N, C-alpha and C. Protein backbone atom coordinates (compact mmCIF):
# COMPACT_ATOMS: atom_id res chain seq x y z
N MET A 1 3.65 31.13 -19.97
CA MET A 1 2.94 31.34 -18.54
C MET A 1 2.72 29.88 -17.83
N LEU A 2 3.26 30.31 -16.53
CA LEU A 2 3.42 28.95 -15.77
C LEU A 2 2.06 28.58 -15.34
N LYS A 3 2.06 27.42 -15.10
CA LYS A 3 0.60 26.68 -14.96
C LYS A 3 0.68 26.49 -13.24
N LEU A 4 -0.43 27.54 -12.55
CA LEU A 4 -0.23 27.52 -10.91
C LEU A 4 -1.34 26.75 -10.54
N LEU A 5 -2.48 26.68 -11.40
CA LEU A 5 -3.60 25.80 -10.93
C LEU A 5 -3.60 24.50 -11.07
N PRO A 6 -4.14 23.82 -9.84
CA PRO A 6 -3.88 22.15 -9.89
C PRO A 6 -4.85 21.74 -11.32
N ASN A 7 -4.33 20.48 -11.54
CA ASN A 7 -5.03 19.60 -12.58
C ASN A 7 -6.17 19.04 -11.92
N ASN A 8 -6.77 18.14 -12.86
CA ASN A 8 -7.94 17.38 -12.62
C ASN A 8 -7.65 16.33 -11.32
N GLU A 9 -6.44 15.49 -11.49
CA GLU A 9 -6.07 14.65 -10.27
C GLU A 9 -6.24 15.31 -8.86
N GLU A 10 -4.90 16.33 -9.26
CA GLU A 10 -4.78 17.27 -7.75
C GLU A 10 -5.86 18.00 -7.19
N LEU A 11 -7.00 18.07 -8.22
CA LEU A 11 -8.20 18.96 -7.56
C LEU A 11 -8.80 18.16 -6.89
N ARG A 12 -8.87 16.45 -7.53
CA ARG A 12 -9.58 15.44 -6.90
C ARG A 12 -9.04 15.11 -5.49
N ARG A 13 -7.92 15.17 -5.41
CA ARG A 13 -7.03 14.75 -3.95
C ARG A 13 -7.43 16.16 -3.12
N LEU A 14 -7.34 17.37 -3.49
CA LEU A 14 -7.84 18.52 -2.59
C LEU A 14 -9.21 18.41 -2.15
N LEU A 15 -10.08 18.22 -2.98
CA LEU A 15 -11.46 18.08 -2.41
C LEU A 15 -11.93 16.90 -1.51
N PHE A 16 -11.04 15.55 -1.86
CA PHE A 16 -11.23 14.36 -0.97
C PHE A 16 -10.51 14.67 0.66
N GLU A 17 -9.35 15.35 0.54
CA GLU A 17 -8.65 15.75 1.69
C GLU A 17 -9.65 16.90 2.59
N PHE A 18 -10.47 17.74 1.80
CA PHE A 18 -10.97 18.70 2.11
C PHE A 18 -12.38 18.10 2.99
N TRP A 19 -13.17 17.40 2.29
CA TRP A 19 -14.44 16.67 2.72
C TRP A 19 -14.00 15.72 3.99
N LYS A 20 -12.97 15.24 3.66
CA LYS A 20 -12.54 14.09 4.69
C LYS A 20 -12.33 14.87 5.98
N TRP A 21 -11.49 15.96 6.05
CA TRP A 21 -11.53 16.67 7.28
C TRP A 21 -12.69 17.11 8.06
N ILE A 22 -13.53 17.37 7.07
CA ILE A 22 -14.86 18.26 7.40
C ILE A 22 -15.83 16.95 8.18
N LEU A 23 -15.87 15.82 7.41
CA LEU A 23 -16.54 14.67 7.95
C LEU A 23 -15.73 14.26 9.50
N LEU A 24 -14.53 14.21 9.41
CA LEU A 24 -13.98 13.90 10.99
C LEU A 24 -14.39 15.01 11.88
N LEU A 25 -14.29 16.31 11.39
CA LEU A 25 -14.71 17.30 12.48
C LEU A 25 -16.37 16.94 12.91
N VAL A 26 -17.10 16.81 11.94
CA VAL A 26 -18.51 16.74 12.30
C VAL A 26 -18.63 15.65 13.23
N LEU A 27 -18.12 14.37 12.67
CA LEU A 27 -18.13 13.12 13.56
C LEU A 27 -17.74 13.18 15.00
N GLY A 28 -16.60 14.03 15.17
CA GLY A 28 -15.92 14.45 16.48
C GLY A 28 -17.03 15.09 17.35
N ILE A 29 -17.24 16.00 16.66
CA ILE A 29 -18.42 17.05 17.26
C ILE A 29 -19.57 15.98 18.04
N VAL A 30 -20.18 15.20 17.15
CA VAL A 30 -21.25 14.56 17.04
C VAL A 30 -21.08 13.65 18.36
N VAL A 31 -19.93 12.97 18.23
CA VAL A 31 -19.66 11.83 19.25
C VAL A 31 -19.38 12.42 20.49
N ALA A 32 -18.76 13.62 20.58
CA ALA A 32 -18.46 14.17 22.02
C ALA A 32 -19.76 15.02 22.51
N SER A 33 -20.86 15.31 21.64
CA SER A 33 -21.86 15.83 22.06
C SER A 33 -23.23 14.66 22.52
N VAL A 34 -22.98 13.61 22.27
CA VAL A 34 -24.25 12.61 22.27
C VAL A 34 -24.71 12.83 23.96
N PRO A 35 -23.53 12.45 24.95
CA PRO A 35 -24.08 12.55 26.08
C PRO A 35 -24.94 13.62 26.83
N SER A 36 -24.64 14.88 26.19
CA SER A 36 -25.41 16.04 26.64
C SER A 36 -25.78 16.70 25.31
N LEU A 37 -26.64 16.09 24.51
CA LEU A 37 -26.96 16.82 23.39
C LEU A 37 -27.98 17.56 23.59
N ARG A 38 -29.11 17.06 24.36
CA ARG A 38 -30.17 18.13 24.45
C ARG A 38 -29.87 19.23 25.42
N ALA A 39 -28.97 18.89 26.33
CA ALA A 39 -28.61 20.07 27.45
C ALA A 39 -28.08 21.34 26.55
N MET A 40 -27.13 20.66 25.58
CA MET A 40 -26.08 21.57 24.76
C MET A 40 -27.20 22.54 24.05
N ALA A 41 -27.95 21.60 23.32
CA ALA A 41 -29.07 22.49 22.20
C ALA A 41 -29.70 23.56 22.93
N VAL A 42 -30.24 23.31 24.19
CA VAL A 42 -31.00 24.34 25.03
C VAL A 42 -30.07 25.39 25.39
N GLU A 43 -28.83 25.32 25.97
CA GLU A 43 -28.03 26.29 26.11
C GLU A 43 -27.64 27.06 24.79
N ALA A 44 -27.51 26.47 23.85
CA ALA A 44 -27.21 27.12 22.50
C ALA A 44 -28.17 27.79 22.21
N TYR A 45 -29.53 27.38 22.16
CA TYR A 45 -30.71 28.29 21.89
C TYR A 45 -30.67 29.57 22.83
N ARG A 46 -30.47 29.34 24.09
CA ARG A 46 -30.62 30.42 24.92
C ARG A 46 -29.36 31.41 24.93
N PHE A 47 -28.25 31.04 24.43
CA PHE A 47 -27.16 31.67 24.21
C PHE A 47 -27.32 32.71 22.88
N ALA A 48 -27.94 32.06 21.91
CA ALA A 48 -28.29 32.55 20.53
C ALA A 48 -29.14 34.06 20.95
N LEU A 49 -30.31 33.60 21.65
CA LEU A 49 -31.46 34.45 21.99
C LEU A 49 -30.79 35.56 22.63
N GLU A 50 -30.10 35.35 23.89
CA GLU A 50 -29.47 36.67 24.58
C GLU A 50 -28.39 37.26 23.52
N PHE A 51 -27.77 36.54 22.80
CA PHE A 51 -26.74 37.22 21.79
C PHE A 51 -27.34 38.29 20.93
N SER A 52 -28.62 37.72 20.39
CA SER A 52 -29.38 38.51 19.29
C SER A 52 -29.96 39.90 20.01
N LYS A 53 -30.02 39.79 21.11
CA LYS A 53 -30.70 41.03 21.97
C LYS A 53 -29.50 42.09 22.09
N SER A 54 -28.43 41.59 22.30
CA SER A 54 -27.01 42.50 22.62
C SER A 54 -26.69 43.19 21.52
N THR A 55 -25.76 44.15 22.00
CA THR A 55 -25.23 44.99 20.97
C THR A 55 -23.93 45.31 21.26
N VAL A 56 -23.09 44.39 21.44
CA VAL A 56 -21.82 44.36 21.77
C VAL A 56 -20.91 44.64 20.52
N GLU A 57 -19.85 45.51 20.73
CA GLU A 57 -19.04 46.12 19.76
C GLU A 57 -17.89 45.58 19.92
N LEU A 58 -17.22 45.13 18.79
CA LEU A 58 -15.51 44.85 18.93
C LEU A 58 -14.49 46.01 18.85
N ARG A 59 -13.89 46.05 19.96
CA ARG A 59 -12.94 47.37 20.04
C ARG A 59 -11.63 46.75 20.56
N GLY A 60 -10.56 47.82 20.32
CA GLY A 60 -9.41 47.68 20.75
C GLY A 60 -8.65 46.15 20.48
N PHE A 61 -8.32 45.60 21.68
CA PHE A 61 -7.66 44.39 22.16
C PHE A 61 -8.56 43.34 21.42
N SER A 62 -9.77 42.83 21.61
CA SER A 62 -10.74 42.27 21.15
C SER A 62 -10.78 42.15 19.50
N PHE A 63 -10.70 43.21 18.71
CA PHE A 63 -10.62 43.46 17.28
C PHE A 63 -9.50 42.59 16.93
N VAL A 64 -8.33 43.24 17.49
CA VAL A 64 -7.00 42.93 16.96
C VAL A 64 -6.66 41.11 17.46
N LEU A 65 -7.32 40.64 18.50
CA LEU A 65 -7.06 39.22 18.41
C LEU A 65 -8.00 38.51 17.62
N LEU A 66 -8.92 39.15 16.93
CA LEU A 66 -9.79 38.34 16.23
C LEU A 66 -9.17 38.28 14.90
N LEU A 67 -8.50 39.52 14.50
CA LEU A 67 -8.04 39.49 13.33
C LEU A 67 -6.58 38.55 13.24
N VAL A 68 -5.90 38.35 14.20
CA VAL A 68 -4.79 37.68 14.69
C VAL A 68 -5.34 36.30 14.53
N CYS A 69 -6.15 35.85 15.08
CA CYS A 69 -6.59 34.28 15.05
C CYS A 69 -7.16 34.22 13.60
N SER A 70 -7.90 34.97 12.76
CA SER A 70 -8.20 34.61 11.47
C SER A 70 -7.05 34.43 10.73
N ALA A 71 -6.20 35.21 10.98
CA ALA A 71 -4.85 35.32 10.02
C ALA A 71 -4.26 34.05 10.17
N PHE A 72 -4.19 33.32 11.22
CA PHE A 72 -3.41 32.19 11.80
C PHE A 72 -4.25 31.16 10.93
N GLY A 73 -5.47 31.38 11.00
CA GLY A 73 -6.34 30.10 10.49
C GLY A 73 -6.19 30.17 9.06
N LEU A 74 -6.32 31.15 8.30
CA LEU A 74 -6.05 31.35 6.77
C LEU A 74 -4.85 30.73 6.61
N SER A 75 -3.84 31.18 7.30
CA SER A 75 -2.32 30.68 6.75
C SER A 75 -2.21 29.10 7.04
N TRP A 76 -2.94 28.43 8.06
CA TRP A 76 -2.76 27.00 8.10
C TRP A 76 -3.59 26.32 6.93
N ILE A 77 -4.72 26.88 6.56
CA ILE A 77 -5.62 26.13 5.49
C ILE A 77 -4.68 26.27 4.04
N ALA A 78 -4.02 27.56 4.03
CA ALA A 78 -3.16 27.64 2.64
C ALA A 78 -1.96 26.82 2.82
N LEU A 79 -1.38 26.71 3.82
CA LEU A 79 -0.44 26.06 3.75
C LEU A 79 -0.59 24.44 3.90
N ARG A 80 -1.83 23.97 4.35
CA ARG A 80 -2.17 22.68 4.31
C ARG A 80 -2.47 22.32 2.66
N PHE A 81 -3.29 23.33 2.02
CA PHE A 81 -3.54 23.11 0.74
C PHE A 81 -2.33 23.14 -0.20
N ARG A 82 -1.40 23.75 0.13
CA ARG A 82 0.11 23.86 -0.65
C ARG A 82 0.57 22.70 -0.36
N ALA A 83 0.69 22.17 0.82
CA ALA A 83 1.20 20.58 0.82
C ALA A 83 0.64 19.65 0.34
N LEU A 84 -0.72 19.87 0.08
CA LEU A 84 -1.40 18.74 -0.75
C LEU A 84 -1.09 18.95 -2.29
N LEU A 85 -0.64 20.15 -2.96
CA LEU A 85 -0.45 20.14 -4.19
C LEU A 85 1.05 19.39 -4.44
N GLY A 86 1.75 19.49 -3.50
CA GLY A 86 3.04 18.82 -3.63
C GLY A 86 4.35 19.79 -3.52
N PRO A 87 5.54 19.42 -3.69
CA PRO A 87 6.45 20.42 -4.06
C PRO A 87 6.47 21.08 -5.06
N LYS A 88 7.17 22.41 -5.16
CA LYS A 88 7.08 23.25 -6.21
C LYS A 88 7.19 22.70 -7.62
N TYR A 89 8.06 21.89 -7.81
CA TYR A 89 8.65 21.44 -9.09
C TYR A 89 7.44 20.57 -9.48
N VAL A 90 6.86 19.84 -8.72
CA VAL A 90 5.23 19.07 -9.27
C VAL A 90 4.37 20.22 -9.82
N ARG A 91 4.30 21.55 -9.41
CA ARG A 91 3.35 22.25 -9.88
C ARG A 91 3.84 23.23 -11.19
N ARG A 92 5.15 23.22 -11.05
CA ARG A 92 5.75 24.17 -12.32
C ARG A 92 6.71 23.44 -13.27
N PHE A 93 7.20 22.32 -12.86
CA PHE A 93 8.12 21.38 -13.74
C PHE A 93 7.42 20.28 -14.42
N ARG A 94 6.87 21.01 -15.73
CA ARG A 94 5.90 20.16 -16.59
C ARG A 94 6.35 20.20 -17.78
N GLU A 95 7.46 20.85 -18.33
CA GLU A 95 8.09 20.85 -19.58
C GLU A 95 9.60 21.29 -19.46
N ALA A 96 10.58 20.79 -20.28
CA ALA A 96 11.78 21.18 -20.29
C ALA A 96 12.54 20.56 -21.77
N GLU A 97 13.87 21.17 -21.72
CA GLU A 97 14.39 20.86 -23.17
C GLU A 97 15.67 19.83 -22.75
N TYR A 98 15.62 18.57 -23.34
CA TYR A 98 16.64 17.68 -23.32
C TYR A 98 17.05 17.08 -24.83
N HIS A 99 18.16 17.09 -24.94
CA HIS A 99 18.72 16.40 -26.06
C HIS A 99 18.04 17.20 -27.28
N GLY A 100 17.85 18.55 -27.08
CA GLY A 100 17.38 19.37 -28.51
C GLY A 100 16.01 19.19 -28.37
N ILE A 101 15.14 18.48 -27.74
CA ILE A 101 13.86 18.27 -27.75
C ILE A 101 13.07 18.97 -26.54
N ILE A 102 11.71 19.39 -26.91
CA ILE A 102 10.86 19.60 -25.84
C ILE A 102 10.16 18.47 -25.13
N TRP A 103 10.20 18.39 -23.91
CA TRP A 103 9.52 17.06 -23.40
C TRP A 103 8.38 17.67 -22.58
N ARG A 104 7.23 17.27 -22.35
CA ARG A 104 6.28 17.54 -21.73
C ARG A 104 5.74 16.21 -21.04
N TRP A 105 5.25 16.35 -19.75
CA TRP A 105 4.94 15.04 -19.04
C TRP A 105 4.14 15.71 -17.63
N ARG A 106 3.35 14.35 -17.02
CA ARG A 106 2.56 14.65 -15.65
C ARG A 106 3.20 13.97 -14.69
N TRP A 107 2.99 14.47 -13.53
CA TRP A 107 3.49 13.78 -12.10
C TRP A 107 2.21 13.06 -11.49
N LYS A 108 2.74 12.18 -10.62
CA LYS A 108 1.79 11.50 -9.94
C LYS A 108 2.57 11.08 -8.77
N ASP A 109 2.39 11.38 -7.27
CA ASP A 109 2.89 10.95 -6.19
C ASP A 109 4.51 11.09 -6.50
N ARG A 110 4.65 12.53 -6.99
CA ARG A 110 6.31 12.98 -7.03
C ARG A 110 6.81 12.05 -7.98
N ARG A 111 6.51 11.45 -8.74
CA ARG A 111 7.06 10.54 -9.91
C ARG A 111 6.56 11.03 -11.22
N VAL A 112 7.27 11.10 -12.16
CA VAL A 112 6.80 11.34 -13.40
C VAL A 112 6.17 9.87 -13.99
N VAL A 113 4.90 10.24 -14.82
CA VAL A 113 4.08 9.07 -15.29
C VAL A 113 4.65 8.65 -16.36
N PRO A 114 5.35 7.62 -16.49
CA PRO A 114 5.80 7.01 -17.91
C PRO A 114 5.17 7.17 -19.10
N ASP A 115 4.02 6.85 -19.23
CA ASP A 115 3.22 6.87 -20.33
C ASP A 115 2.80 8.57 -20.83
N SER A 116 3.08 9.48 -19.84
CA SER A 116 2.82 10.86 -19.93
C SER A 116 3.96 11.47 -20.86
N MET A 117 4.91 11.17 -20.92
CA MET A 117 6.26 11.60 -21.77
C MET A 117 6.07 11.86 -23.35
N ARG A 118 6.10 13.06 -23.66
CA ARG A 118 5.63 13.57 -25.00
C ARG A 118 6.78 14.33 -25.55
N ALA A 119 7.08 14.17 -26.78
CA ALA A 119 8.13 14.85 -27.36
C ALA A 119 7.58 15.84 -28.62
N PHE A 120 8.18 17.24 -28.38
CA PHE A 120 7.76 18.19 -29.41
C PHE A 120 9.04 18.79 -30.12
N CYS A 121 8.76 19.32 -31.17
CA CYS A 121 10.01 19.89 -31.98
C CYS A 121 10.19 21.19 -31.35
N VAL A 122 11.42 21.71 -31.00
CA VAL A 122 12.06 22.53 -30.30
C VAL A 122 12.07 23.81 -31.50
N LYS A 123 11.67 24.01 -32.61
CA LYS A 123 11.52 24.78 -33.56
C LYS A 123 10.06 25.46 -33.96
N ASP A 124 9.25 24.39 -34.02
CA ASP A 124 8.15 24.72 -34.46
C ASP A 124 6.66 24.06 -33.50
N GLY A 125 7.44 23.40 -32.39
CA GLY A 125 6.21 22.84 -31.52
C GLY A 125 5.35 21.77 -31.70
N VAL A 126 5.64 21.12 -33.04
CA VAL A 126 5.04 20.24 -33.32
C VAL A 126 5.37 18.82 -32.74
N GLU A 127 4.55 17.76 -32.46
CA GLU A 127 4.74 16.52 -31.50
C GLU A 127 5.68 15.71 -32.68
N LEU A 128 6.59 15.06 -31.93
CA LEU A 128 7.66 14.14 -32.94
C LEU A 128 7.33 12.95 -32.77
N LYS A 129 7.67 12.08 -33.96
CA LYS A 129 7.65 10.74 -34.14
C LYS A 129 8.94 10.40 -33.86
N ILE A 130 9.19 9.31 -32.75
CA ILE A 130 10.31 8.63 -32.21
C ILE A 130 10.19 7.26 -32.52
N THR A 131 11.14 6.74 -33.30
CA THR A 131 11.37 5.34 -33.66
C THR A 131 12.65 4.74 -33.16
N ALA A 132 13.05 3.57 -32.46
CA ALA A 132 14.00 3.24 -32.38
C ALA A 132 14.60 2.21 -33.24
N SER A 133 15.81 2.06 -33.78
CA SER A 133 16.35 1.38 -34.76
C SER A 133 18.19 0.79 -34.27
N ALA A 134 18.46 -0.10 -34.88
CA ALA A 134 19.67 -0.82 -34.83
C ALA A 134 20.45 -0.64 -36.19
N THR A 135 21.34 0.41 -36.20
CA THR A 135 21.78 0.81 -37.71
C THR A 135 23.39 0.35 -37.58
N GLN A 136 24.07 -0.46 -36.50
CA GLN A 136 25.46 -0.50 -36.70
C GLN A 136 26.09 -1.56 -35.74
N MET A 137 26.94 -2.40 -36.42
CA MET A 137 27.50 -3.50 -35.50
C MET A 137 28.60 -2.90 -34.96
N VAL A 138 28.79 -3.31 -33.51
CA VAL A 138 29.84 -2.83 -32.93
C VAL A 138 30.45 -4.17 -32.20
N TYR A 139 31.69 -4.21 -32.30
CA TYR A 139 32.34 -5.19 -31.71
C TYR A 139 32.88 -4.89 -30.40
N ARG A 140 33.06 -5.71 -29.32
CA ARG A 140 34.13 -5.78 -28.12
C ARG A 140 34.36 -7.09 -27.96
N GLY A 141 35.74 -7.46 -28.24
CA GLY A 141 36.56 -8.44 -28.12
C GLY A 141 35.99 -9.21 -29.28
N ASN A 142 35.62 -10.51 -29.02
CA ASN A 142 34.98 -11.26 -30.08
C ASN A 142 33.32 -11.61 -30.25
N THR A 143 32.74 -10.40 -29.29
CA THR A 143 31.49 -10.32 -29.22
C THR A 143 30.92 -9.04 -30.14
N GLY A 144 29.93 -9.37 -31.17
CA GLY A 144 29.20 -8.21 -31.71
C GLY A 144 27.94 -8.18 -31.28
N PHE A 145 27.48 -6.86 -31.26
CA PHE A 145 26.21 -6.58 -31.15
C PHE A 145 25.58 -5.30 -31.75
N MET A 146 24.21 -5.07 -32.14
CA MET A 146 23.94 -4.13 -32.78
C MET A 146 23.86 -2.71 -31.96
N ARG A 147 24.23 -1.53 -32.35
CA ARG A 147 24.19 -0.38 -31.48
C ARG A 147 22.86 0.42 -31.95
N PRO A 148 22.06 0.39 -30.85
CA PRO A 148 20.57 1.13 -30.82
C PRO A 148 20.85 2.55 -31.16
N ASP A 149 20.07 2.95 -32.11
CA ASP A 149 19.71 4.30 -32.33
C ASP A 149 18.59 4.82 -32.34
N THR A 150 18.18 6.00 -31.96
CA THR A 150 16.71 6.37 -32.09
C THR A 150 16.87 7.91 -33.09
N ASP A 151 15.62 7.52 -33.99
CA ASP A 151 15.42 8.58 -35.00
C ASP A 151 14.18 9.28 -34.49
N ILE A 152 14.29 10.58 -34.62
CA ILE A 152 13.31 11.58 -34.37
C ILE A 152 12.74 12.39 -35.44
N TYR A 153 11.75 12.22 -36.03
CA TYR A 153 11.39 12.98 -37.21
C TYR A 153 10.30 13.99 -36.80
N CYS A 154 10.19 15.00 -37.28
CA CYS A 154 9.34 16.36 -37.29
C CYS A 154 8.47 16.66 -38.63
N THR A 155 7.24 16.32 -38.55
CA THR A 155 6.40 16.45 -39.66
C THR A 155 6.30 17.92 -40.11
N GLY A 156 6.35 18.89 -39.13
CA GLY A 156 6.22 20.24 -39.41
C GLY A 156 7.43 20.88 -40.24
N CYS A 157 8.84 20.53 -39.73
CA CYS A 157 9.80 20.91 -40.49
C CYS A 157 10.47 20.23 -41.21
N ASN A 158 10.11 18.68 -41.57
CA ASN A 158 10.48 17.72 -42.21
C ASN A 158 12.24 17.44 -41.95
N ARG A 159 12.17 17.26 -40.66
CA ARG A 159 13.70 17.24 -40.42
C ARG A 159 14.05 15.71 -39.39
N THR A 160 14.83 15.17 -39.44
CA THR A 160 15.20 13.93 -38.95
C THR A 160 16.46 13.85 -38.10
N GLN A 161 16.42 13.75 -36.97
CA GLN A 161 17.43 13.80 -35.89
C GLN A 161 17.57 12.31 -35.38
N THR A 162 19.03 12.13 -35.29
CA THR A 162 19.43 10.60 -34.71
C THR A 162 20.28 10.62 -33.52
N ILE A 163 19.83 9.86 -32.68
CA ILE A 163 20.71 9.82 -31.20
C ILE A 163 21.23 8.69 -31.22
N SER A 164 22.53 8.48 -31.18
CA SER A 164 23.26 7.21 -31.06
C SER A 164 23.46 6.60 -29.74
N ASN A 165 23.33 5.36 -29.88
CA ASN A 165 23.49 4.65 -28.85
C ASN A 165 22.08 4.95 -27.55
N CYS A 166 21.29 4.96 -27.94
CA CYS A 166 20.22 5.09 -27.17
C CYS A 166 18.74 4.43 -27.74
N ASP A 167 18.38 3.35 -27.01
CA ASP A 167 17.07 2.71 -27.28
C ASP A 167 16.00 3.02 -26.76
N ASP A 168 16.13 3.73 -25.59
CA ASP A 168 14.88 3.98 -24.84
C ASP A 168 14.96 5.70 -24.72
N LEU A 169 14.80 6.31 -25.61
CA LEU A 169 15.05 8.07 -25.17
C LEU A 169 14.07 8.41 -24.07
N ALA A 170 12.82 8.01 -24.08
CA ALA A 170 11.87 8.62 -23.30
C ALA A 170 12.41 8.34 -21.93
N ASP A 171 12.68 6.90 -21.73
CA ASP A 171 12.97 6.51 -20.32
C ASP A 171 14.14 7.54 -19.78
N ARG A 172 15.46 7.51 -20.70
CA ARG A 172 16.26 8.22 -20.26
C ARG A 172 15.98 9.55 -20.01
N VAL A 173 15.10 10.38 -20.53
CA VAL A 173 14.69 11.55 -20.22
C VAL A 173 13.91 11.72 -18.97
N LEU A 174 13.10 10.72 -18.90
CA LEU A 174 12.39 10.84 -17.79
C LEU A 174 13.34 10.67 -16.38
N ARG A 175 14.36 9.85 -16.42
CA ARG A 175 15.44 9.60 -15.22
C ARG A 175 15.79 11.10 -14.93
N SER A 176 16.42 11.87 -16.15
CA SER A 176 16.74 13.02 -15.88
C SER A 176 15.81 13.98 -15.44
N VAL A 177 14.86 14.05 -15.72
CA VAL A 177 13.47 14.96 -15.32
C VAL A 177 13.52 15.02 -13.76
N GLU A 178 13.50 13.46 -13.17
CA GLU A 178 13.37 13.29 -12.00
C GLU A 178 14.87 13.86 -11.16
N ALA A 179 15.88 13.50 -11.83
CA ALA A 179 17.30 13.60 -10.96
C ALA A 179 17.29 15.29 -11.03
N ASP A 180 16.91 15.98 -11.91
CA ASP A 180 17.00 17.35 -12.00
C ASP A 180 15.97 18.11 -10.89
N ALA A 181 14.94 17.44 -10.72
CA ALA A 181 13.78 17.91 -9.87
C ALA A 181 14.22 17.58 -8.33
N MET A 182 15.17 16.29 -8.32
CA MET A 182 15.29 16.35 -6.71
C MET A 182 16.74 17.10 -6.44
N THR A 183 17.69 17.65 -7.50
CA THR A 183 18.73 18.23 -7.30
C THR A 183 18.39 19.77 -7.23
N ASN A 184 17.30 20.00 -7.71
CA ASN A 184 16.88 21.44 -7.95
C ASN A 184 17.52 22.19 -9.12
N LYS A 185 17.77 21.56 -10.03
CA LYS A 185 17.98 22.11 -11.29
C LYS A 185 17.08 21.97 -12.53
N TRP A 186 15.96 21.92 -12.04
CA TRP A 186 14.68 21.73 -13.11
C TRP A 186 14.41 23.27 -13.34
N LYS A 187 14.47 24.39 -12.81
CA LYS A 187 14.44 25.55 -13.32
C LYS A 187 15.22 25.79 -14.42
N ALA A 188 16.68 25.67 -14.48
CA ALA A 188 17.35 25.65 -15.49
C ALA A 188 16.83 24.86 -16.76
N ALA A 189 16.53 23.55 -16.77
CA ALA A 189 15.90 22.78 -17.64
C ALA A 189 14.67 23.39 -18.28
N ARG A 190 13.68 24.11 -17.51
CA ARG A 190 12.50 24.59 -17.78
C ARG A 190 13.05 25.82 -18.74
N GLU A 191 13.93 26.61 -18.13
CA GLU A 191 14.04 27.87 -19.20
C GLU A 191 14.82 27.67 -20.64
N ARG A 192 15.24 26.45 -20.69
CA ARG A 192 15.70 26.38 -21.93
C ARG A 192 14.77 26.10 -23.05
N VAL A 193 13.41 25.85 -22.75
CA VAL A 193 12.26 26.03 -23.44
C VAL A 193 11.96 27.34 -24.38
N PRO A 194 12.06 27.51 -25.37
CA PRO A 194 11.92 28.74 -25.98
C PRO A 194 10.58 29.30 -25.55
N LYS A 195 10.53 30.67 -25.28
CA LYS A 195 9.41 31.11 -24.64
C LYS A 195 7.79 31.15 -25.50
N ALA A 196 8.39 31.23 -26.73
CA ALA A 196 7.04 31.08 -27.69
C ALA A 196 6.39 29.85 -27.86
N LEU A 197 7.27 28.65 -27.06
CA LEU A 197 6.58 27.53 -27.38
C LEU A 197 6.21 27.03 -26.09
N ARG A 198 6.39 27.68 -24.97
CA ARG A 198 5.96 27.51 -23.48
C ARG A 198 4.54 27.33 -23.16
N ASP A 199 3.96 25.83 -22.64
CA ASP A 199 2.92 26.11 -22.45
C ASP A 199 1.85 25.82 -23.69
N ALA A 200 2.40 25.89 -24.70
CA ALA A 200 1.37 25.79 -25.86
C ALA A 200 0.69 24.75 -25.98
N HIS A 201 0.71 23.44 -25.44
CA HIS A 201 -0.15 22.40 -25.42
C HIS A 201 -1.39 22.65 -24.30
N ARG A 202 -1.24 23.44 -23.55
CA ARG A 202 -2.37 23.58 -22.31
C ARG A 202 -3.49 24.81 -22.77
């Protein structure tokens, strides 16, 4: 099931933007009304009094115009909230399969939070233990260096996977995630996660 609702951080941003615009609107009205505040209050009271005595009905063109204006207003609010939530991939691209591993993460300002990268077993969904080790000496000319390997261990199925020549797997995957998001390949990466394990951590 896709996660369509905003998380706590996104919700705080939405509430902040909402109350900011409300406050600016109220301040603008107050500032504009200060010179003739008393006169406006009297006129508003008289209008409300007269309106309460009237029995005007909305018909024909007036009713249609009211509906159209309401629809435009609601559409603008919806688009504004959607823009605050960020691009589609920020809301829906939160897990994918890379190197035979399910990865999950969080977004902030359209970038992946590095510390949020977590790895899970593609078979049983158990969170994996990832350790880096240098296991082989490689020579290039007269220079020798240790080739970094990454060991991935699942406590659920008791299986170890080794990825050669990779000393920072999480960072490599992070860059792949952001690249797929920018090139609109994130849907394919997300669909590689088995259906039974999608969103299991939420």
